[in-house]
Amino acid sequence: MSTRDESLAALESLGVANVFADSYRSKKLPHNLDIHFGPPEEFFLAPDTQDAYTNGRLIPLLDDGNFGIVTFLDPDANNFVQMDVEMPEASRTVLTTWQQYLADVFIGIAESDTDDEELAVIAQLIGFQHMGRTLQFMDSSPDSGWREARAEFIASL
């Protein structure tokens, strides 16, 4: 079971962009990024609820802005595990790099009709290094099979 301070320390130890640690200190982030990520507060308010998700080793880092999907650090495997809070046993995505996590966040932001100029600022702010490639992927991807294509693209980073 991780405390808020332990989760923040784990996040900062990854060397991520400051805006992620800032999400632990402020409810309001630049460019409304708090809509897309923030600390999984529910786990810190009711720490006994973590057990169903963490298996005693995963550290909750961030949620998707509304506690639907939570991203955990697996310190043993040195990767990131995303779980749907409603179905922790059934839905897990494993991301092997932080850039893969950022791609997932960035695609969500880009899908919200944010213009390219603001996307460039956001990419820099979050430390995402694959903006051009991601936008090219999004422009050329078919509507059918989007979910699978998105997962394959993210895994390729």
C-alpha atoms as a PDB file:
ATOM      1  CA  MET A   1       0.000   0.000   0.000  1.00  0.00           C
ATOM      2  CA  SER A   2       1.485   3.318  -1.080  1.00  0.00           C
ATOM      3  CA  THR A   3       0.942   6.705   0.460  1.00  0.00           C
ATOM      4  CA  ARG A   4       0.565   9.844  -1.595  1.00  0.00           C
ATOM      5  CA  ASP A   5       4.126  10.880  -0.681  1.00  0.00           C
ATOM      6  CA  GLU A   6       5.528   7.479  -1.675  1.00  0.00           C
ATOM      7  CA  SER A   7       3.749   7.601  -5.032  1.00  0.00           C
ATOM      8  CA  LEU A   8       5.012  11.119  -5.670  1.00  0.00           C
ATOM      9  CA  ALA A   9       8.573  10.051  -4.747  1.00  0.00           C
ATOM     10  CA  ALA A  10       8.340   7.085  -7.140  1.00  0.00           C
ATOM     11  CA  LEU A  11       7.066   9.354  -9.918  1.00  0.00           C
ATOM     12  CA  GLU A  12       9.838  11.903  -9.358  1.00  0.00           C
ATOM     13  CA  SER A  13      12.470   9.145  -9.279  1.00  0.00           C
ATOM     14  CA  LEU A  14      11.607   8.389 -12.914  1.00  0.00           C
ATOM     15  CA  GLY A  15      12.897  11.788 -14.024  1.00  0.00           C
ATOM     16  CA  VAL A  16       9.584  12.752 -15.618  1.00  0.00           C
ATOM     17  CA  ALA A  17       8.609  16.280 -16.627  1.00  0.00           C
ATOM     18  CA  ASN A  18       7.809  18.569 -13.704  1.00  0.00           C
ATOM     19  CA  VAL A  19       4.145  18.898 -14.701  1.00  0.00           C
ATOM     20  CA  PHE A  20       3.482  15.356 -13.460  1.00  0.00           C
ATOM     21  CA  ALA A  21       4.819  16.107  -9.982  1.00  0.00           C
ATOM     22  CA  ASP A  22       2.998  19.445 -10.159  1.00  0.00           C
ATOM     23  CA  SER A  23      -0.256  17.504 -10.539  1.00  0.00           C
ATOM     24  CA  TYR A  24       0.292  16.263  -6.976  1.00  0.00           C
ATOM     25  CA  ARG A  25       0.714  19.831  -5.717  1.00  0.00           C
ATOM     26  CA  SER A  26      -2.017  21.646  -7.657  1.00  0.00           C
ATOM     27  CA  LYS A  27      -5.462  20.786  -8.923  1.00  0.00           C
ATOM     28  CA  LYS A  28      -5.084  23.130 -11.927  1.00  0.00           C
ATOM     29  CA  LEU A  29      -2.420  22.434 -14.545  1.00  0.00           C
ATOM     30  CA  PRO A  30      -1.456  24.461 -17.625  1.00  0.00           C
ATOM     31  CA  HIS A  31      -3.374  23.736 -20.834  1.00  0.00           C
ATOM     32  CA  ASN A  32      -6.018  21.938 -18.752  1.00  0.00           C
ATOM     33  CA  LEU A  33      -3.754  18.892 -18.472  1.00  0.00           C
ATOM     34  CA  ASP A  34      -5.495  18.004 -15.208  1.00  0.00           C
ATOM     35  CA  ILE A  35      -8.317  16.725 -17.435  1.00  0.00           C
ATOM     36  CA  HIS A  36      -5.913  14.061 -18.740  1.00  0.00           C
ATOM     37  CA  PHE A  37      -3.878  13.028 -15.695  1.00  0.00           C
ATOM     38  CA  GLY A  38      -3.460  13.532 -11.982  1.00  0.00           C
ATOM     39  CA  PRO A  39      -2.746  11.635  -8.802  1.00  0.00           C
ATOM     40  CA  PRO A  40      -5.113   8.727  -8.072  1.00  0.00           C
ATOM     41  CA  GLU A  41      -6.522  10.480  -5.006  1.00  0.00           C
ATOM     42  CA  GLU A  42      -9.114   7.817  -4.236  1.00  0.00           C
ATOM     43  CA  PHE A  43      -6.306   5.359  -3.453  1.00  0.00           C
ATOM     44  CA  PHE A  44      -4.778   7.787  -0.981  1.00  0.00           C
ATOM     45  CA  LEU A  45      -8.091   8.660   0.670  1.00  0.00           C
ATOM     46  CA  ALA A  46      -8.968   4.974   1.122  1.00  0.00           C
ATOM     47  CA  PRO A  47      -5.607   3.170   1.081  1.00  0.00           C
ATOM     48  CA  ASP A  48      -7.130  -0.238   1.836  1.00  0.00           C
ATOM     49  CA  THR A  49      -8.703  -0.159  -1.649  1.00  0.00           C
ATOM     50  CA  GLN A  50      -5.246  -0.413  -3.270  1.00  0.00           C
ATOM     51  CA  ASP A  51      -4.801  -4.089  -2.413  1.00  0.00           C
ATOM     52  CA  ALA A  52      -7.098  -5.325  -5.200  1.00  0.00           C
ATOM     53  CA  TYR A  53      -4.898  -3.535  -7.729  1.00  0.00           C
ATOM     54  CA  THR A  54      -1.324  -3.540  -6.454  1.00  0.00           C
ATOM     55  CA  ASN A  55      -0.644  -7.159  -5.472  1.00  0.00           C
ATOM     56  CA  GLY A  56       1.541  -5.680  -2.764  1.00  0.00           C
ATOM     57  CA  ARG A  57       4.113  -4.355  -5.236  1.00  0.00           C
ATOM     58  CA  LEU A  58       2.598  -1.954  -7.804  1.00  0.00           C
ATOM     59  CA  ILE A  59       2.809   1.751  -6.970  1.00  0.00           C
ATOM     60  CA  PRO A  60      -0.102   3.947  -8.125  1.00  0.00           C
ATOM     61  CA  LEU A  61       1.305   6.949  -9.991  1.00  0.00           C
ATOM     62  CA  LEU A  62      -1.373   8.701 -12.030  1.00  0.00           C
ATOM     63  CA  ASP A  63      -4.930   8.339 -13.181  1.00  0.00           C
ATOM     64  CA  ASP A  64      -6.570   9.533 -16.381  1.00  0.00           C
ATOM     65  CA  GLY A  65      -8.007  12.652 -14.768  1.00  0.00           C
ATOM     66  CA  ASN A  66     -11.192  10.982 -13.568  1.00  0.00           C
ATOM     67  CA  PHE A  67     -10.018   7.787 -11.819  1.00  0.00           C
ATOM     68  CA  GLY A  68     -11.133   5.537 -14.657  1.00  0.00           C
ATOM     69  CA  ILE A  69      -7.719   4.223 -15.701  1.00  0.00           C
ATOM     70  CA  VAL A  70      -4.837   4.182 -13.220  1.00  0.00           C
ATOM     71  CA  THR A  71      -1.190   3.838 -14.215  1.00  0.00           C
ATOM     72  CA  PHE A  72       1.025   1.947 -11.774  1.00  0.00           C
ATOM     73  CA  LEU A  73       4.772   1.533 -11.616  1.00  0.00           C
ATOM     74  CA  ASP A  74       5.905  -2.078 -11.354  1.00  0.00           C
ATOM     75  CA  PRO A  75       9.313  -1.633  -9.724  1.00  0.00           C
ATOM     76  CA  ASP A  76      10.181  -5.324 -10.129  1.00  0.00           C
ATOM     77  CA  ALA A  77       9.588  -5.429 -13.895  1.00  0.00           C
ATOM     78  CA  ASN A  78      10.546  -1.760 -14.379  1.00  0.00           C
ATOM     79  CA  ASN A  79       7.435  -1.038 -16.449  1.00  0.00           C
ATOM     80  CA  PHE A  80       4.020   0.584 -16.168  1.00  0.00           C
ATOM     81  CA  VAL A  81       0.713  -1.197 -15.774  1.00  0.00           C
ATOM     82  CA  GLN A  82      -2.576   0.508 -16.635  1.00  0.00           C
ATOM     83  CA  MET A  83      -5.797  -0.810 -15.159  1.00  0.00           C
ATOM     84  CA  ASP A  84      -9.435   0.042 -15.531  1.00  0.00           C
ATOM     85  CA  VAL A  85     -10.597   0.747 -11.977  1.00  0.00           C
ATOM     86  CA  GLU A  86     -13.918  -0.961 -12.686  1.00  0.00           C
ATOM     87  CA  MET A  87     -12.232  -4.173 -13.909  1.00  0.00           C
ATOM     88  CA  PRO A  88      -8.767  -4.504 -12.342  1.00  0.00           C
ATOM     89  CA  GLU A  89      -8.435  -8.215 -13.109  1.00  0.00           C
ATOM     90  CA  ALA A  90      -9.710  -8.065 -16.686  1.00  0.00           C
ATOM     91  CA  SER A  91      -8.105  -5.008 -18.197  1.00  0.00           C
ATOM     92  CA  ARG A  92      -4.377  -4.436 -18.022  1.00  0.00           C
ATOM     93  CA  THR A  93      -2.088  -2.701 -20.431  1.00  0.00           C
ATOM     94  CA  VAL A  94       1.659  -2.972 -19.907  1.00  0.00           C
ATOM     95  CA  LEU A  95       3.822  -0.111 -21.116  1.00  0.00           C
ATOM     96  CA  THR A  96       7.550  -0.719 -21.164  1.00  0.00           C
ATOM     97  CA  THR A  97       8.656   2.923 -21.347  1.00  0.00           C
ATOM     98  CA  TRP A  98       7.518   6.292 -20.055  1.00  0.00           C
ATOM     99  CA  GLN A  99       7.345   7.541 -23.665  1.00  0.00           C
ATOM    100  CA  GLN A 100       4.666   4.894 -24.305  1.00  0.00           C
ATOM    101  CA  TYR A 101       2.669   6.291 -21.393  1.00  0.00           C
ATOM    102  CA  LEU A 102       3.141   9.802 -22.789  1.00  0.00           C
ATOM    103  CA  ALA A 103       1.960   8.629 -26.213  1.00  0.00           C
ATOM    104  CA  ASP A 104      -1.239   7.346 -24.629  1.00  0.00           C
ATOM    105  CA  VAL A 105      -1.807  10.674 -22.871  1.00  0.00           C
ATOM    106  CA  PHE A 106      -0.839  12.699 -25.949  1.00  0.00           C
ATOM    107  CA  ILE A 107      -3.207  10.818 -28.247  1.00  0.00           C
ATOM    108  CA  GLY A 108      -6.039  11.477 -25.796  1.00  0.00           C
ATOM    109  CA  ILE A 109      -5.201  15.177 -25.836  1.00  0.00           C
ATOM    110  CA  ALA A 110      -4.903  15.274 -29.637  1.00  0.00           C
ATOM    111  CA  GLU A 111      -8.281  13.561 -29.994  1.00  0.00           C
ATOM    112  CA  SER A 112      -9.888  16.440 -28.099  1.00  0.00           C
ATOM    113  CA  ASP A 113      -9.436  18.751 -31.117  1.00  0.00           C
ATOM    114  CA  THR A 114      -6.425  20.594 -29.743  1.00  0.00           C
ATOM    115  CA  ASP A 115      -4.635  22.489 -32.516  1.00  0.00           C
ATOM    116  CA  ASP A 116      -1.109  21.527 -33.596  1.00  0.00           C
ATOM    117  CA  GLU A 117       0.490  24.642 -32.130  1.00  0.00           C
ATOM    118  CA  GLU A 118      -0.892  23.914 -28.673  1.00  0.00           C
ATOM    119  CA  LEU A 119      -0.041  20.219 -29.087  1.00  0.00           C
ATOM    120  CA  ALA A 120       3.585  21.199 -29.677  1.00  0.00           C
ATOM    121  CA  VAL A 121       3.619  23.212 -26.447  1.00  0.00           C
ATOM    122  CA  ILE A 122       1.995  20.331 -24.561  1.00  0.00           C
ATOM    123  CA  ALA A 123       4.419  17.765 -26.003  1.00  0.00           C
ATOM    124  CA  GLN A 124       7.323  19.861 -24.762  1.00  0.00           C
ATOM    125  CA  LEU A 125       5.679  20.421 -21.379  1.00  0.00           C
ATOM    126  CA  ILE A 126       5.122  16.690 -20.752  1.00  0.00           C
ATOM    127  CA  GLY A 127       8.428  15.639 -22.320  1.00  0.00           C
ATOM    128  CA  PHE A 128       6.891  13.712 -25.206  1.00  0.00           C
ATOM    129  CA  GLN A 129       9.454  13.117 -27.960  1.00  0.00           C
ATOM    130  CA  HIS A 130       7.274  11.606 -30.698  1.00  0.00           C
ATOM    131  CA  MET A 131       4.720  14.281 -31.561  1.00  0.00           C
ATOM    132  CA  GLY A 132       5.303  14.327 -35.332  1.00  0.00           C
ATOM    133  CA  ARG A 133       5.241  10.572 -35.642  1.00  0.00           C
ATOM    134  CA  THR A 134       2.115  10.368 -33.465  1.00  0.00           C
ATOM    135  CA  LEU A 135       0.184  12.963 -35.447  1.00  0.00           C
ATOM    136  CA  GLN A 136       1.194  11.244 -38.679  1.00  0.00           C
ATOM    137  CA  PHE A 137      -0.073   7.938 -37.254  1.00  0.00           C
ATOM    138  CA  MET A 138      -3.357   9.539 -36.187  1.00  0.00           C
ATOM    139  CA  ASP A 139      -3.877  11.145 -39.608  1.00  0.00           C
ATOM    140  CA  SER A 140      -3.260   7.903 -41.486  1.00  0.00           C
ATOM    141  CA  SER A 141      -5.051   5.406 -39.238  1.00  0.00           C
ATOM    142  CA  PRO A 142      -8.341   3.865 -40.319  1.00  0.00           C
ATOM    143  CA  ASP A 143     -11.454   4.343 -38.229  1.00  0.00           C
ATOM    144  CA  SER A 144     -12.082   0.618 -38.012  1.00  0.00           C
ATOM    145  CA  GLY A 145      -9.592  -1.176 -35.827  1.00  0.00           C
ATOM    146  CA  TRP A 146      -8.495   2.111 -34.225  1.00  0.00           C
ATOM    147  CA  ARG A 147      -8.105   0.637 -30.751  1.00  0.00           C
ATOM    148  CA  GLU A 148      -5.797  -2.141 -31.958  1.00  0.00           C
ATOM    149  CA  ALA A 149      -3.826   0.190 -34.245  1.00  0.00           C
ATOM    150  CA  ARG A 150      -3.382   2.645 -31.370  1.00  0.00           C
ATOM    151  CA  ALA A 151      -2.093  -0.091 -29.055  1.00  0.00           C
ATOM    152  CA  GLU A 152       0.337  -1.326 -31.722  1.00  0.00           C
ATOM    153  CA  PHE A 153       1.583   2.174 -32.411  1.00  0.00           C
ATOM    154  CA  ILE A 154       2.156   2.931 -28.728  1.00  0.00           C
ATOM    155  CA  ALA A 155       3.985  -0.375 -28.277  1.00  0.00           C
ATOM    156  CA  SER A 156       6.289   0.538 -31.176  1.00  0.00           C
ATOM    157  CA  LEU A 157       7.644   3.597 -29.372  1.00  0.00           C
END
